[in-house]
């Protein structure tokens, strides 16, 4: 979505065909990470806390984050600054 000079961003994960339980769990934990991160967002929250909660949720579920992948800001630039590291 692009409205009045600003972008919106959303995505959804769907499975196709036979998906094993480990992959289903990965998809669920990824969504849990997203909502945990959104849940702590508020004015003046440190960006590092967002990454820390993602890492915590993943780790608590026996998954790890990939350091070379980062979250991103959104606004007048799509996938713009700041980078949000997940660790």
C-alpha atoms as a PDB file:
ATOM      1  CA  UNK A   1       0.000   0.000   0.000  1.00  0.00           C
ATOM      2  CA  UNK A   2       1.260   3.490  -0.832  1.00  0.00           C
ATOM      3  CA  UNK A   3      -0.850   6.409   0.390  1.00  0.00           C
ATOM      4  CA  UNK A   4      -0.047  10.102   0.751  1.00  0.00           C
ATOM      5  CA  UNK A   5       3.691   9.499   0.370  1.00  0.00           C
ATOM      6  CA  UNK A   6       3.950   6.594   2.820  1.00  0.00           C
ATOM      7  CA  UNK A   7       4.273   2.854   2.353  1.00  0.00           C
ATOM      8  CA  UNK A   8       2.542   0.089   4.257  1.00  0.00           C
ATOM      9  CA  UNK A   9       4.031  -3.374   4.517  1.00  0.00           C
ATOM     10  CA  UNK A  10       2.523  -6.744   5.315  1.00  0.00           C
ATOM     11  CA  UNK A  11       3.026 -10.338   4.370  1.00  0.00           C
ATOM     12  CA  UNK A  12       1.469 -13.693   5.042  1.00  0.00           C
ATOM     13  CA  UNK A  13       2.836 -17.216   4.938  1.00  0.00           C
ATOM     14  CA  UNK A  14       0.909 -20.016   3.310  1.00  0.00           C
ATOM     15  CA  UNK A  15       1.879 -23.631   2.901  1.00  0.00           C
ATOM     16  CA  UNK A  16       1.318 -25.587  -0.273  1.00  0.00           C
ATOM     17  CA  UNK A  17       1.259 -29.357  -0.416  1.00  0.00           C
ATOM     18  CA  UNK A  18       2.638 -31.594   2.299  1.00  0.00           C
ATOM     19  CA  UNK A  19       4.560 -29.671   4.933  1.00  0.00           C
ATOM     20  CA  UNK A  20       6.293 -31.513   7.751  1.00  0.00           C
ATOM     21  CA  UNK A  21       5.714 -30.649  11.403  1.00  0.00           C
ATOM     22  CA  UNK A  22       9.111 -28.966  11.796  1.00  0.00           C
ATOM     23  CA  UNK A  23       8.334 -26.526   8.979  1.00  0.00           C
ATOM     24  CA  UNK A  24       4.861 -25.844  10.387  1.00  0.00           C
ATOM     25  CA  UNK A  25       6.495 -25.107  13.745  1.00  0.00           C
ATOM     26  CA  UNK A  26       9.031 -22.783  12.088  1.00  0.00           C
ATOM     27  CA  UNK A  27       6.220 -20.835  10.451  1.00  0.00           C
ATOM     28  CA  UNK A  28       4.359 -20.548  13.778  1.00  0.00           C
ATOM     29  CA  UNK A  29       7.448 -19.449  15.719  1.00  0.00           C
ATOM     30  CA  UNK A  30       8.254 -16.880  13.039  1.00  0.00           C
ATOM     31  CA  UNK A  31       4.780 -15.414  13.465  1.00  0.00           C
ATOM     32  CA  UNK A  32       5.187 -15.529  17.257  1.00  0.00           C
ATOM     33  CA  UNK A  33       8.439 -13.558  16.878  1.00  0.00           C
ATOM     34  CA  UNK A  34       6.657 -10.948  14.771  1.00  0.00           C
ATOM     35  CA  UNK A  35       3.833 -10.414  17.241  1.00  0.00           C
ATOM     36  CA  UNK A  36       6.164 -10.391  20.241  1.00  0.00           C
ATOM     37  CA  UNK A  37       8.219  -7.683  18.530  1.00  0.00           C
ATOM     38  CA  UNK A  38       5.143  -5.648  17.636  1.00  0.00           C
ATOM     39  CA  UNK A  39       3.908  -6.053  21.201  1.00  0.00           C
ATOM     40  CA  UNK A  40       6.862  -4.233  22.730  1.00  0.00           C
ATOM     41  CA  UNK A  41       6.872  -1.332  20.268  1.00  0.00           C
ATOM     42  CA  UNK A  42       6.131   2.031  21.814  1.00  0.00           C
ATOM     43  CA  UNK A  43       7.585   5.535  21.749  1.00  0.00           C
ATOM     44  CA  UNK A  44      11.218   5.647  22.900  1.00  0.00           C
ATOM     45  CA  UNK A  45      11.601   1.838  22.882  1.00  0.00           C
ATOM     46  CA  UNK A  46      15.152   0.842  21.966  1.00  0.00           C
ATOM     47  CA  UNK A  47      15.377  -0.825  18.579  1.00  0.00           C
ATOM     48  CA  UNK A  48      17.752  -3.366  20.100  1.00  0.00           C
ATOM     49  CA  UNK A  49      14.930  -4.541  22.394  1.00  0.00           C
ATOM     50  CA  UNK A  50      12.877  -5.440  19.332  1.00  0.00           C
ATOM     51  CA  UNK A  51      15.689  -7.621  18.024  1.00  0.00           C
ATOM     52  CA  UNK A  52      16.292  -9.094  21.460  1.00  0.00           C
ATOM     53  CA  UNK A  53      12.677 -10.248  21.838  1.00  0.00           C
ATOM     54  CA  UNK A  54      12.802 -11.858  18.388  1.00  0.00           C
ATOM     55  CA  UNK A  55      15.965 -13.729  19.349  1.00  0.00           C
ATOM     56  CA  UNK A  56      14.463 -14.724  22.705  1.00  0.00           C
ATOM     57  CA  UNK A  57      11.264 -16.142  21.203  1.00  0.00           C
ATOM     58  CA  UNK A  58      13.197 -18.019  18.526  1.00  0.00           C
ATOM     59  CA  UNK A  59      15.702 -19.412  21.037  1.00  0.00           C
ATOM     60  CA  UNK A  60      12.994 -20.453  23.494  1.00  0.00           C
ATOM     61  CA  UNK A  61      11.516 -22.533  20.684  1.00  0.00           C
ATOM     62  CA  UNK A  62      14.828 -24.141  19.639  1.00  0.00           C
ATOM     63  CA  UNK A  63      15.294 -21.978  16.549  1.00  0.00           C
ATOM     64  CA  UNK A  64      17.958 -19.398  15.763  1.00  0.00           C
ATOM     65  CA  UNK A  65      17.924 -16.140  13.859  1.00  0.00           C
ATOM     66  CA  UNK A  66      20.097 -15.528  10.804  1.00  0.00           C
ATOM     67  CA  UNK A  67      22.323 -12.515  11.567  1.00  0.00           C
ATOM     68  CA  UNK A  68      22.562 -11.402   7.934  1.00  0.00           C
ATOM     69  CA  UNK A  69      18.777 -10.932   7.735  1.00  0.00           C
ATOM     70  CA  UNK A  70      17.376  -7.809   9.358  1.00  0.00           C
ATOM     71  CA  UNK A  71      14.069  -6.117   9.907  1.00  0.00           C
ATOM     72  CA  UNK A  72      13.551  -2.663   8.478  1.00  0.00           C
ATOM     73  CA  UNK A  73      11.838   0.637   8.885  1.00  0.00           C
ATOM     74  CA  UNK A  74       8.861   1.650   6.817  1.00  0.00           C
ATOM     75  CA  UNK A  75       7.569   5.073   5.885  1.00  0.00           C
ATOM     76  CA  UNK A  76       8.376   7.302   2.938  1.00  0.00           C
ATOM     77  CA  UNK A  77      10.932   4.637   1.908  1.00  0.00           C
ATOM     78  CA  UNK A  78       9.920   1.014   1.434  1.00  0.00           C
ATOM     79  CA  UNK A  79      12.338  -1.215   3.388  1.00  0.00           C
ATOM     80  CA  UNK A  80      14.105   1.878   4.647  1.00  0.00           C
ATOM     81  CA  UNK A  81      16.096   2.688   7.738  1.00  0.00           C
ATOM     82  CA  UNK A  82      16.561   1.760  10.455  1.00  0.00           C
ATOM     83  CA  UNK A  83      17.841  -1.793  10.182  1.00  0.00           C
ATOM     84  CA  UNK A  84      16.496  -3.942  13.023  1.00  0.00           C
ATOM     85  CA  UNK A  85      18.954  -6.685  13.910  1.00  0.00           C
ATOM     86  CA  UNK A  86      17.379  -9.845  15.340  1.00  0.00           C
ATOM     87  CA  UNK A  87      20.013 -10.518  17.982  1.00  0.00           C
END
